[in-house]
N, C-alpha and C. Protein backbone atom coordinates (compact mmCIF):
# COMPACT_ATOMS: atom_id res chain seq x y z
N UNK A 1 -53.02 -10.76 -10.56
CA UNK A 1 -51.96 -9.79 -10.57
C UNK A 1 -50.66 -10.40 -10.07
N UNK A 2 -50.73 -11.41 -9.21
CA UNK A 2 -49.51 -12.00 -8.66
C UNK A 2 -48.69 -12.69 -9.73
N UNK A 3 -49.32 -13.14 -10.81
CA UNK A 3 -48.62 -13.88 -11.85
C UNK A 3 -47.98 -12.96 -12.89
N UNK A 4 -48.29 -11.70 -12.84
CA UNK A 4 -47.74 -10.76 -13.83
C UNK A 4 -46.36 -10.30 -13.37
N UNK A 5 -45.39 -10.42 -14.26
CA UNK A 5 -44.03 -9.98 -13.93
C UNK A 5 -43.92 -8.48 -14.12
N UNK A 6 -43.19 -7.86 -13.22
CA UNK A 6 -42.93 -6.43 -13.33
C UNK A 6 -41.92 -6.18 -14.44
N UNK A 7 -42.07 -5.08 -15.15
CA UNK A 7 -41.09 -4.78 -16.20
C UNK A 7 -39.74 -4.44 -15.58
N UNK A 8 -38.67 -4.82 -16.29
CA UNK A 8 -37.32 -4.52 -15.82
C UNK A 8 -37.02 -3.04 -16.05
N UNK A 9 -36.46 -2.43 -15.04
CA UNK A 9 -36.06 -1.04 -15.17
C UNK A 9 -34.65 -0.99 -15.76
N UNK A 10 -34.39 0.00 -16.59
CA UNK A 10 -33.04 0.09 -17.18
C UNK A 10 -32.01 0.39 -16.09
N UNK A 11 -30.81 -0.20 -16.25
CA UNK A 11 -29.74 0.05 -15.30
C UNK A 11 -29.25 1.48 -15.45
N UNK A 12 -28.99 2.09 -14.33
CA UNK A 12 -28.41 3.42 -14.36
C UNK A 12 -26.90 3.29 -14.30
N UNK A 13 -26.22 3.93 -15.22
CA UNK A 13 -24.77 3.90 -15.23
C UNK A 13 -24.25 4.98 -14.31
N UNK A 14 -23.08 4.75 -13.70
CA UNK A 14 -22.54 5.78 -12.80
C UNK A 14 -22.16 7.04 -13.56
N UNK A 15 -22.24 8.15 -12.87
CA UNK A 15 -21.87 9.43 -13.46
C UNK A 15 -20.35 9.46 -13.59
N UNK A 16 -19.85 9.83 -14.75
CA UNK A 16 -18.41 9.88 -15.01
C UNK A 16 -17.99 11.32 -15.18
N UNK A 17 -16.92 11.69 -14.48
CA UNK A 17 -16.41 13.06 -14.59
C UNK A 17 -15.64 13.23 -15.88
N UNK A 18 -15.72 14.42 -16.44
CA UNK A 18 -14.94 14.74 -17.63
C UNK A 18 -13.50 15.06 -17.20
N UNK A 19 -12.59 15.09 -18.16
CA UNK A 19 -11.19 15.41 -17.85
C UNK A 19 -11.06 16.79 -17.22
N UNK A 20 -11.81 17.75 -17.73
CA UNK A 20 -11.72 19.10 -17.18
C UNK A 20 -12.27 19.15 -15.75
N UNK A 21 -13.30 18.36 -15.46
CA UNK A 21 -13.83 18.31 -14.09
C UNK A 21 -12.81 17.69 -13.14
N UNK A 22 -12.13 16.66 -13.59
CA UNK A 22 -11.10 16.01 -12.76
C UNK A 22 -9.97 16.99 -12.49
N UNK A 23 -9.52 17.70 -13.51
CA UNK A 23 -8.43 18.67 -13.34
C UNK A 23 -8.85 19.77 -12.37
N UNK A 24 -10.07 20.27 -12.49
CA UNK A 24 -10.55 21.31 -11.58
C UNK A 24 -10.63 20.79 -10.15
N UNK A 25 -11.05 19.54 -10.00
CA UNK A 25 -11.14 18.93 -8.67
C UNK A 25 -9.77 18.81 -8.03
N UNK A 26 -8.77 18.40 -8.81
CA UNK A 26 -7.42 18.22 -8.27
C UNK A 26 -6.72 19.54 -7.99
N UNK A 27 -7.15 20.62 -8.64
CA UNK A 27 -6.56 21.93 -8.40
C UNK A 27 -7.15 22.61 -7.16
N UNK A 28 -8.30 22.13 -6.69
CA UNK A 28 -9.01 22.79 -5.59
C UNK A 28 -8.23 22.80 -4.27
N UNK A 29 -7.66 21.67 -3.80
CA UNK A 29 -6.96 21.72 -2.51
C UNK A 29 -5.64 22.50 -2.61
N UNK A 30 -5.34 23.29 -1.60
CA UNK A 30 -4.07 24.01 -1.54
C UNK A 30 -3.02 23.04 -1.00
N UNK A 31 -2.14 22.60 -1.87
CA UNK A 31 -1.18 21.55 -1.50
C UNK A 31 -0.05 22.03 -0.60
N UNK A 32 0.04 23.32 -0.33
CA UNK A 32 1.11 23.81 0.52
C UNK A 32 0.75 23.78 2.01
N UNK A 33 -0.44 23.28 2.35
CA UNK A 33 -0.82 23.07 3.75
C UNK A 33 -1.01 21.59 3.98
N UNK A 34 -0.94 21.19 5.24
CA UNK A 34 -1.12 19.77 5.58
C UNK A 34 -2.50 19.29 5.14
N UNK A 35 -3.54 20.03 5.50
CA UNK A 35 -4.91 19.62 5.17
C UNK A 35 -5.13 19.61 3.66
N UNK A 36 -4.57 20.60 2.98
CA UNK A 36 -4.72 20.65 1.53
C UNK A 36 -4.05 19.48 0.84
N UNK A 37 -2.85 19.14 1.28
CA UNK A 37 -2.15 18.01 0.67
C UNK A 37 -2.87 16.70 0.99
N UNK A 38 -3.35 16.58 2.23
CA UNK A 38 -4.12 15.39 2.61
C UNK A 38 -5.36 15.24 1.72
N UNK A 39 -6.07 16.34 1.51
CA UNK A 39 -7.27 16.31 0.67
C UNK A 39 -6.93 15.96 -0.78
N UNK A 40 -5.80 16.47 -1.26
CA UNK A 40 -5.34 16.14 -2.61
C UNK A 40 -5.09 14.64 -2.74
N UNK A 41 -4.42 14.06 -1.75
CA UNK A 41 -4.13 12.62 -1.79
C UNK A 41 -5.42 11.81 -1.68
N UNK A 42 -6.35 12.26 -0.87
CA UNK A 42 -7.64 11.57 -0.76
C UNK A 42 -8.35 11.57 -2.12
N UNK A 43 -8.34 12.71 -2.80
CA UNK A 43 -8.94 12.78 -4.13
C UNK A 43 -8.25 11.84 -5.10
N UNK A 44 -6.91 11.78 -5.05
CA UNK A 44 -6.17 10.86 -5.91
C UNK A 44 -6.56 9.41 -5.65
N UNK A 45 -6.71 9.06 -4.38
CA UNK A 45 -7.10 7.69 -4.03
C UNK A 45 -8.48 7.38 -4.60
N UNK A 46 -9.43 8.28 -4.42
CA UNK A 46 -10.76 8.05 -4.97
C UNK A 46 -10.74 7.90 -6.49
N UNK A 47 -10.05 8.81 -7.15
CA UNK A 47 -10.04 8.81 -8.61
C UNK A 47 -9.26 7.63 -9.19
N UNK A 48 -8.18 7.22 -8.52
CA UNK A 48 -7.31 6.18 -9.06
C UNK A 48 -7.80 4.77 -8.74
N UNK A 49 -8.52 4.61 -7.63
CA UNK A 49 -8.94 3.26 -7.23
C UNK A 49 -10.44 3.03 -7.34
N UNK A 50 -11.23 4.09 -7.20
CA UNK A 50 -12.68 3.94 -7.25
C UNK A 50 -13.28 3.42 -5.95
N UNK A 51 -12.52 3.46 -4.85
CA UNK A 51 -13.09 2.98 -3.59
C UNK A 51 -14.10 3.99 -3.05
N UNK A 52 -14.89 3.53 -2.10
CA UNK A 52 -15.94 4.37 -1.51
C UNK A 52 -15.40 5.06 -0.25
N UNK A 53 -16.11 6.07 0.20
CA UNK A 53 -15.70 6.84 1.37
C UNK A 53 -15.53 5.95 2.60
N UNK A 54 -16.48 5.08 2.86
CA UNK A 54 -16.40 4.19 4.02
C UNK A 54 -15.19 3.27 3.95
N UNK A 55 -14.86 2.82 2.74
CA UNK A 55 -13.69 1.97 2.56
C UNK A 55 -12.40 2.74 2.83
N UNK A 56 -12.37 3.99 2.41
CA UNK A 56 -11.20 4.83 2.66
C UNK A 56 -11.04 5.11 4.15
N UNK A 57 -12.15 5.37 4.82
CA UNK A 57 -12.11 5.69 6.24
C UNK A 57 -11.62 4.51 7.07
N UNK A 58 -11.85 3.30 6.60
CA UNK A 58 -11.43 2.11 7.35
C UNK A 58 -10.02 1.64 7.01
N UNK A 59 -9.34 2.33 6.09
CA UNK A 59 -7.98 1.93 5.74
C UNK A 59 -7.02 2.19 6.88
N UNK A 60 -6.05 1.29 7.03
CA UNK A 60 -4.95 1.52 7.97
C UNK A 60 -3.65 1.27 7.22
N UNK A 61 -2.55 1.62 7.82
CA UNK A 61 -1.25 1.47 7.16
C UNK A 61 -0.97 0.03 6.75
N UNK A 62 -1.41 -0.93 7.56
CA UNK A 62 -1.14 -2.34 7.24
C UNK A 62 -1.94 -2.82 6.02
N UNK A 63 -2.93 -2.04 5.60
CA UNK A 63 -3.74 -2.39 4.43
C UNK A 63 -3.13 -1.91 3.12
N UNK A 64 -2.04 -1.15 3.22
CA UNK A 64 -1.42 -0.55 2.03
C UNK A 64 -0.13 -1.29 1.69
N UNK A 65 -0.02 -1.74 0.45
CA UNK A 65 1.19 -2.41 -0.03
C UNK A 65 1.72 -1.60 -1.22
N UNK A 66 2.76 -0.80 -0.96
CA UNK A 66 3.29 0.08 -2.00
C UNK A 66 4.02 -0.70 -3.10
N UNK A 67 4.65 -1.82 -2.75
CA UNK A 67 5.36 -2.61 -3.77
C UNK A 67 4.38 -3.18 -4.80
N UNK A 68 3.24 -3.66 -4.33
CA UNK A 68 2.24 -4.22 -5.24
C UNK A 68 1.23 -3.18 -5.71
N UNK A 69 1.38 -1.96 -5.20
CA UNK A 69 0.43 -0.88 -5.48
C UNK A 69 -1.01 -1.30 -5.20
N UNK A 70 -1.22 -1.87 -4.02
CA UNK A 70 -2.54 -2.38 -3.70
C UNK A 70 -3.02 -1.88 -2.34
N UNK A 71 -4.33 -1.83 -2.20
CA UNK A 71 -4.99 -1.48 -0.95
C UNK A 71 -5.96 -2.60 -0.61
N UNK A 72 -5.95 -3.04 0.62
CA UNK A 72 -6.92 -4.05 1.07
C UNK A 72 -8.05 -3.29 1.75
N UNK A 73 -9.23 -3.31 1.14
CA UNK A 73 -10.36 -2.56 1.66
C UNK A 73 -11.43 -3.49 2.18
N UNK A 74 -12.16 -3.00 3.16
CA UNK A 74 -13.25 -3.75 3.76
C UNK A 74 -14.55 -3.22 3.19
N UNK A 75 -15.24 -4.06 2.42
CA UNK A 75 -16.46 -3.64 1.75
C UNK A 75 -17.71 -4.04 2.52
N UNK A 76 -18.81 -4.13 1.78
CA UNK A 76 -20.10 -4.50 2.37
C UNK A 76 -20.02 -5.87 3.04
N UNK A 77 -20.69 -6.00 4.16
CA UNK A 77 -20.75 -7.28 4.84
C UNK A 77 -19.42 -7.74 5.39
N UNK A 78 -18.46 -6.83 5.54
CA UNK A 78 -17.17 -7.20 6.09
C UNK A 78 -16.29 -7.97 5.12
N UNK A 79 -16.63 -7.93 3.84
CA UNK A 79 -15.83 -8.64 2.83
C UNK A 79 -14.58 -7.84 2.49
N UNK A 80 -13.44 -8.51 2.54
CA UNK A 80 -12.19 -7.86 2.14
C UNK A 80 -11.99 -8.03 0.64
N UNK A 81 -11.44 -6.99 0.02
CA UNK A 81 -11.07 -7.10 -1.38
C UNK A 81 -9.82 -6.26 -1.60
N UNK A 82 -9.08 -6.63 -2.61
CA UNK A 82 -7.85 -5.91 -2.94
C UNK A 82 -8.13 -5.01 -4.13
N UNK A 83 -7.73 -3.75 -4.00
CA UNK A 83 -7.91 -2.75 -5.04
C UNK A 83 -6.52 -2.28 -5.44
N UNK A 84 -6.29 -2.18 -6.73
CA UNK A 84 -4.97 -1.77 -7.21
C UNK A 84 -4.98 -0.32 -7.63
N UNK A 85 -3.89 0.36 -7.31
CA UNK A 85 -3.73 1.77 -7.66
C UNK A 85 -2.90 1.87 -8.92
N UNK A 86 -3.14 2.91 -9.67
CA UNK A 86 -2.38 3.14 -10.89
C UNK A 86 -1.09 3.90 -10.62
N UNK A 87 -0.43 4.30 -11.67
CA UNK A 87 0.86 4.99 -11.56
C UNK A 87 0.71 6.43 -11.07
N UNK A 88 -0.49 6.96 -11.15
CA UNK A 88 -0.71 8.32 -10.64
C UNK A 88 -0.55 8.35 -9.13
N UNK A 89 -1.14 7.39 -8.46
CA UNK A 89 -1.11 7.34 -7.00
C UNK A 89 0.20 6.76 -6.49
N UNK A 90 0.72 5.75 -7.15
CA UNK A 90 1.95 5.07 -6.70
C UNK A 90 2.97 5.03 -7.83
N UNK A 91 3.66 6.13 -8.09
CA UNK A 91 4.66 6.10 -9.16
C UNK A 91 5.81 5.16 -8.79
N UNK A 92 6.40 4.54 -9.78
CA UNK A 92 7.48 3.59 -9.49
C UNK A 92 8.75 4.28 -9.13
């Protein structure tokens, strides 16, 4: 039995939100309050960059470069990587 290879399992692709789901998600926070606007921006960051919750929680102001539209995030194992934001999050 040790010499028999296990069959490969098919890769699972990530779940992708539809346009209507994204629009409904962005309409949920009440942007006229501090918490609502903060939540709206958090959603924009997630949707525009694809970073994970832990990466967002570890962000500081020095990790954000608005001119380059980039965020320096700390990933698994303490590895730093640069993630770029689109025009939705950082309009010119």
